[in-house]
Amino acid sequence: MTSTASLPEHSEGLLLVIANCEDRLQLVLGEPGRLLASRELVVPGHTVQFLIPAVAEMLAEQERPVQDIARIAITRGPGSFTGIRMALSAAAGIQAGTSARLAGLDHLPLVARGPLALTDLPCFVLTYARKGQVYLQGFEPDGEPMAPLCQLSETQAATRVRAFAAPCTLVGTGLHKNPDAFVDLPNVTLLGPEWSHPSPGLLLAAACQAEYGTVDIDPAYGRQADAEENFEAIAAKRGIGPEEARRLLKESRRS
């Protein structure tokens, strides 16, 4: 739980939640225990065009200035590189004009909150990583992780869930991108796509429990970007040798 000391002096202000790890942008504006407005937009690759206008629209509906935003909670990953970067950049921009404090939220525990609120079964969350790959993490009925998040092939993920050998639920975009990979799992209840993203109420509840500070939130992408994995081949097409490419990549990470 967030301690009183961790909240900004103007903690009676608004709380903004930005969730943009997968194929949709979710925005929530509220106060502790009170959801004021929310938006859900499916705009993969175009977040930059919609995020700030949607926040402005929600504020206008409430007749509140942006300076009333006291805390901003952002999902930091794993998921879309572009979506996560856009969310973190937007939060940093709003913070610059409001002195709001920031908190990072992990995406898979948020997805697990929905099923765990309605059942006493453990929950495995499976989100899409890339073609044939998923992120997997299991959670106890009380929400505690069973093990660290891992990136696996769909076959490996199905094997991991099957080995659990106890009644559980399975949820997430990784399940619905290729459902055939996860059929015939004994003792496993497969949840529909409506469970693949946290509800506005769950996002607000998680944000109210987060720890806030003034330091920028680091992303947790979950894996290297395709460009980083293939950087030598990309550099070669531009006439840059492998050693020089590695040096440039190292310098870019320091900057």
Protein backbone atom coordinates (compact mmCIF):
# COMPACT_ATOMS: atom_id res chain seq x y z
CA MET A 1 0.00 0.00 0.00
CA THR A 2 1.13 3.59 -0.64
CA SER A 3 2.15 5.39 2.51
CA THR A 4 0.96 8.94 3.14
CA ALA A 5 4.56 10.15 2.98
CA SER A 6 4.89 8.88 -0.60
CA LEU A 7 2.04 11.07 -1.90
CA PRO A 8 2.53 14.60 -3.22
CA GLU A 9 1.47 17.50 -1.01
CA HIS A 10 -1.48 18.08 -3.36
CA SER A 11 -2.60 14.46 -3.07
CA GLU A 12 -6.25 15.54 -3.18
CA GLY A 13 -5.67 16.16 -6.89
CA LEU A 14 -6.47 13.89 -9.78
CA LEU A 15 -4.92 10.53 -10.59
CA LEU A 16 -4.24 9.66 -14.24
CA VAL A 17 -3.57 6.10 -15.40
CA ILE A 18 -2.03 5.39 -18.82
CA ALA A 19 -1.99 1.75 -20.00
CA ASN A 20 -0.56 1.15 -23.46
CA CYS A 21 1.41 -2.11 -23.46
CA GLU A 22 -0.58 -3.93 -26.11
CA ASP A 23 -2.95 -3.14 -28.97
CA ARG A 24 -5.10 -0.66 -27.11
CA LEU A 25 -4.66 2.58 -25.23
CA GLN A 26 -6.48 2.74 -21.89
CA LEU A 27 -6.79 5.98 -19.95
CA VAL A 28 -8.39 6.48 -16.56
CA LEU A 29 -8.94 9.71 -14.64
CA GLY A 30 -10.04 9.51 -11.05
CA GLU A 31 -9.52 9.99 -7.35
CA PRO A 32 -9.10 7.32 -4.65
CA GLY A 33 -12.30 5.30 -4.72
CA ARG A 34 -13.88 7.41 -7.45
CA LEU A 35 -13.54 6.81 -11.19
CA LEU A 36 -14.30 10.05 -13.04
CA ALA A 37 -13.64 9.23 -16.69
CA SER A 38 -12.03 6.59 -18.89
CA ARG A 39 -11.16 6.00 -22.53
CA GLU A 40 -10.22 2.85 -24.45
CA LEU A 41 -8.85 3.27 -27.98
CA VAL A 42 -7.55 0.61 -30.36
CA VAL A 43 -4.91 2.66 -32.18
CA PRO A 44 -1.78 0.47 -32.54
CA GLY A 45 1.12 2.51 -33.87
CA HIS A 46 -0.80 5.80 -33.61
CA THR A 47 -0.81 6.45 -29.88
CA VAL A 48 0.97 9.78 -30.25
CA GLN A 49 -2.00 11.19 -32.20
CA PHE A 50 -4.61 10.24 -29.61
CA LEU A 51 -3.13 10.07 -26.12
CA ILE A 52 -2.84 13.75 -25.14
CA PRO A 53 -6.09 14.80 -26.91
CA ALA A 54 -7.95 12.02 -25.05
CA VAL A 55 -6.52 13.17 -21.70
CA ALA A 56 -7.49 16.76 -22.52
CA GLU A 57 -11.01 15.62 -23.40
CA MET A 58 -11.42 13.80 -20.09
CA LEU A 59 -10.19 16.84 -18.16
CA ALA A 60 -12.57 19.11 -20.07
CA GLU A 61 -15.49 16.84 -19.22
CA GLN A 62 -14.65 17.23 -15.53
CA GLU A 63 -13.95 20.96 -15.92
CA ARG A 64 -10.53 20.47 -14.37
CA PRO A 65 -7.19 21.93 -15.50
CA VAL A 66 -4.22 19.70 -16.22
CA GLN A 67 -2.50 21.21 -13.16
CA ASP A 68 -4.97 19.25 -11.00
CA ILE A 69 -3.25 15.99 -11.94
CA ALA A 70 -1.26 15.02 -8.84
CA ARG A 71 -0.22 11.45 -9.71
CA ILE A 72 0.34 9.55 -12.95
CA ALA A 73 0.57 5.75 -13.08
CA ILE A 74 1.94 4.21 -16.29
CA THR A 75 2.16 0.59 -17.40
CA ARG A 76 5.86 0.03 -18.06
CA GLY A 77 5.72 -3.35 -19.76
CA PRO A 78 6.21 -5.87 -21.06
CA GLY A 79 4.72 -5.21 -24.45
CA SER A 80 4.82 -2.87 -27.41
CA PHE A 81 8.02 -0.84 -27.61
CA THR A 82 6.24 2.06 -29.31
CA GLY A 83 3.23 1.99 -27.01
CA ILE A 84 5.31 1.90 -23.83
CA ARG A 85 7.64 4.69 -25.03
CA MET A 86 4.69 6.89 -25.97
CA ALA A 87 3.01 6.37 -22.60
CA LEU A 88 6.21 7.13 -20.67
CA SER A 89 6.95 10.20 -22.80
CA ALA A 90 3.42 11.54 -22.37
CA ALA A 91 3.62 11.05 -18.60
CA ALA A 92 6.96 12.86 -18.48
CA GLY A 93 5.51 15.74 -20.49
CA ILE A 94 2.47 16.08 -18.24
CA GLN A 95 4.70 15.86 -15.17
CA ALA A 96 6.83 18.73 -16.46
CA GLY A 97 3.80 21.00 -16.43
CA THR A 98 2.14 19.79 -13.24
CA SER A 99 4.83 18.49 -10.85
CA ALA A 100 2.79 15.28 -10.63
CA ARG A 101 4.49 12.22 -9.20
CA LEU A 102 4.98 9.05 -11.22
CA ALA A 103 4.54 5.32 -10.62
CA GLY A 104 5.16 2.33 -12.87
CA LEU A 105 2.71 -0.58 -13.12
CA ASP A 106 3.54 -4.04 -14.45
CA HIS A 107 1.11 -5.20 -17.12
CA LEU A 108 0.68 -8.93 -16.39
CA PRO A 109 -0.30 -8.53 -12.71
CA LEU A 110 -2.92 -6.00 -13.85
CA VAL A 111 -4.42 -8.51 -16.29
CA ALA A 112 -4.49 -11.15 -13.55
CA ARG A 113 -6.48 -8.91 -11.20
CA GLY A 114 -9.73 -9.45 -13.12
CA PRO A 115 -9.92 -13.26 -12.90
CA LEU A 116 -8.43 -13.33 -9.40
CA ALA A 117 -11.19 -11.04 -8.14
CA LEU A 118 -13.83 -13.58 -9.15
CA THR A 119 -12.27 -16.97 -8.44
CA ASP A 120 -10.04 -18.63 -5.88
CA LEU A 121 -8.04 -20.38 -8.60
CA PRO A 122 -4.45 -19.51 -9.57
CA CYS A 123 -4.21 -17.54 -12.82
CA PHE A 124 -1.69 -17.75 -15.65
CA VAL A 125 -1.41 -14.62 -17.80
CA LEU A 126 -0.21 -15.09 -21.35
CA THR A 127 0.42 -11.96 -23.44
CA TYR A 128 1.62 -11.64 -27.01
CA ALA A 129 5.36 -10.96 -27.41
CA ARG A 130 5.95 -11.53 -31.12
CA LYS A 131 5.03 -14.15 -33.71
CA GLY A 132 5.15 -17.54 -31.98
CA GLN A 133 6.33 -16.00 -28.69
CA VAL A 134 4.48 -15.05 -25.51
CA TYR A 135 5.12 -13.61 -22.07
CA LEU A 136 3.96 -15.90 -19.28
CA GLN A 137 3.56 -15.42 -15.57
CA GLY A 138 1.48 -17.30 -13.01
CA PHE A 139 -0.21 -15.76 -9.97
CA GLU A 140 -1.49 -17.26 -6.74
CA PRO A 141 -5.12 -16.56 -5.74
CA ASP A 142 -3.88 -13.69 -3.52
CA GLY A 143 -2.12 -12.09 -6.49
CA GLU A 144 1.43 -13.05 -5.54
CA PRO A 145 3.58 -14.15 -8.51
CA MET A 146 4.47 -17.84 -8.64
CA ALA A 147 7.69 -17.12 -10.52
CA PRO A 148 9.33 -14.29 -12.48
CA LEU A 149 7.91 -13.32 -15.86
CA CYS A 150 9.41 -15.28 -18.76
CA GLN A 151 9.33 -15.17 -22.55
CA LEU A 152 8.60 -18.54 -24.16
CA SER A 153 7.43 -20.07 -27.39
CA GLU A 154 3.74 -20.91 -27.49
CA THR A 155 4.60 -24.61 -27.21
CA GLN A 156 6.83 -24.03 -24.19
CA ALA A 157 4.14 -21.93 -22.53
CA ALA A 158 1.50 -24.63 -23.05
CA THR A 159 3.90 -27.20 -21.58
CA ARG A 160 4.57 -24.97 -18.56
CA VAL A 161 0.86 -24.50 -17.83
CA ARG A 162 0.14 -28.22 -18.34
CA ALA A 163 2.90 -29.09 -15.87
CA PHE A 164 1.14 -27.04 -13.18
CA ALA A 165 -1.31 -29.99 -12.99
CA ALA A 166 -3.87 -28.20 -10.81
CA PRO A 167 -7.05 -26.26 -11.58
CA CYS A 168 -6.24 -22.76 -12.83
CA THR A 169 -7.32 -20.09 -15.31
CA LEU A 170 -5.47 -18.93 -18.42
CA VAL A 171 -6.02 -15.45 -19.80
CA GLY A 172 -4.44 -12.91 -22.15
CA THR A 173 -3.76 -11.81 -25.69
CA GLY A 174 -1.16 -14.54 -26.15
CA LEU A 175 -3.93 -17.09 -25.70
CA HIS A 176 -6.22 -15.55 -28.32
CA LYS A 177 -3.59 -14.83 -30.97
CA ASN A 178 -3.23 -18.59 -31.44
CA PRO A 179 -5.85 -20.47 -29.38
CA ASP A 180 -5.06 -23.80 -31.07
CA ALA A 181 -1.75 -23.91 -29.21
CA PHE A 182 -3.57 -24.04 -25.87
CA VAL A 183 -6.43 -26.46 -26.40
CA ASP A 184 -6.82 -29.66 -24.37
CA LEU A 185 -4.99 -28.39 -21.29
CA PRO A 186 -6.31 -30.44 -18.36
CA ASN A 187 -7.70 -28.54 -15.37
CA VAL A 188 -7.31 -25.21 -17.20
CA THR A 189 -10.20 -22.79 -17.76
CA LEU A 190 -9.55 -20.62 -20.83
CA LEU A 191 -10.97 -17.13 -20.40
CA GLY A 192 -12.35 -15.09 -23.29
CA PRO A 193 -10.75 -12.00 -24.87
CA GLU A 194 -12.90 -9.69 -22.73
CA TRP A 195 -10.57 -10.63 -19.84
CA SER A 196 -7.36 -9.80 -21.72
CA HIS A 197 -7.21 -6.18 -20.56
CA PRO A 198 -7.78 -4.75 -17.07
CA SER A 199 -10.98 -2.80 -16.51
CA PRO A 200 -10.85 0.94 -15.73
CA GLY A 201 -11.82 0.21 -12.13
CA LEU A 202 -8.97 -2.27 -11.69
CA LEU A 203 -6.50 0.17 -13.25
CA LEU A 204 -7.57 2.89 -10.84
CA ALA A 205 -7.40 0.54 -7.84
CA ALA A 206 -3.88 -0.57 -8.77
CA ALA A 207 -2.78 3.03 -9.28
CA CYS A 208 -4.12 4.00 -5.84
CA GLN A 209 -1.91 1.30 -4.29
CA ALA A 210 1.26 2.21 -6.21
CA GLU A 211 4.34 3.94 -4.83
CA TYR A 212 4.97 7.37 -6.38
CA GLY A 213 8.08 9.48 -6.81
CA THR A 214 9.68 12.15 -8.95
CA VAL A 215 12.06 9.89 -10.88
CA ASP A 216 11.23 8.91 -14.48
CA ILE A 217 9.83 5.38 -14.85
CA ASP A 218 12.09 2.88 -16.59
CA PRO A 219 10.43 0.71 -19.25
CA ALA A 220 10.29 -3.07 -18.83
CA TYR A 221 9.97 -4.18 -22.44
CA GLY A 222 10.52 -7.85 -21.69
CA ARG A 223 12.82 -8.46 -24.64
CA GLN A 224 15.18 -6.71 -27.04
CA ALA A 225 13.71 -4.74 -29.90
CA ASP A 226 13.88 -6.44 -33.31
CA ALA A 227 16.22 -3.67 -34.46
CA GLU A 228 18.66 -4.43 -31.62
CA GLU A 229 18.61 -8.16 -32.32
CA ASN A 230 19.26 -7.55 -36.03
CA PHE A 231 21.39 -4.44 -35.70
CA GLU A 232 24.48 -5.93 -37.38
CA ALA A 233 22.50 -6.89 -40.48
CA ILE A 234 20.82 -3.48 -40.53
CA ALA A 235 24.18 -1.74 -40.09
CA ALA A 236 25.73 -3.80 -42.89
CA LYS A 237 23.08 -2.53 -45.31
CA ARG A 238 24.26 0.98 -44.43
CA GLY A 239 27.92 0.14 -44.92
CA ILE A 240 28.78 -0.04 -41.19
CA GLY A 241 30.92 -2.92 -39.96
CA PRO A 242 29.89 -5.11 -36.97
CA GLU A 243 32.46 -3.64 -34.53
CA GLU A 244 31.47 -0.08 -35.36
CA ALA A 245 27.79 -1.02 -35.10
CA ARG A 246 28.31 -2.46 -31.62
CA ARG A 247 30.21 0.67 -30.56
CA LEU A 248 27.41 2.95 -31.80
CA LEU A 249 24.77 0.84 -30.07
CA LYS A 250 26.70 0.97 -26.81
CA GLU A 251 27.02 4.75 -27.03
CA SER A 252 23.30 5.15 -27.77
CA ARG A 253 22.41 3.23 -24.61
CA ARG A 254 24.55 5.60 -22.53
CA SER A 255 22.97 8.74 -23.96
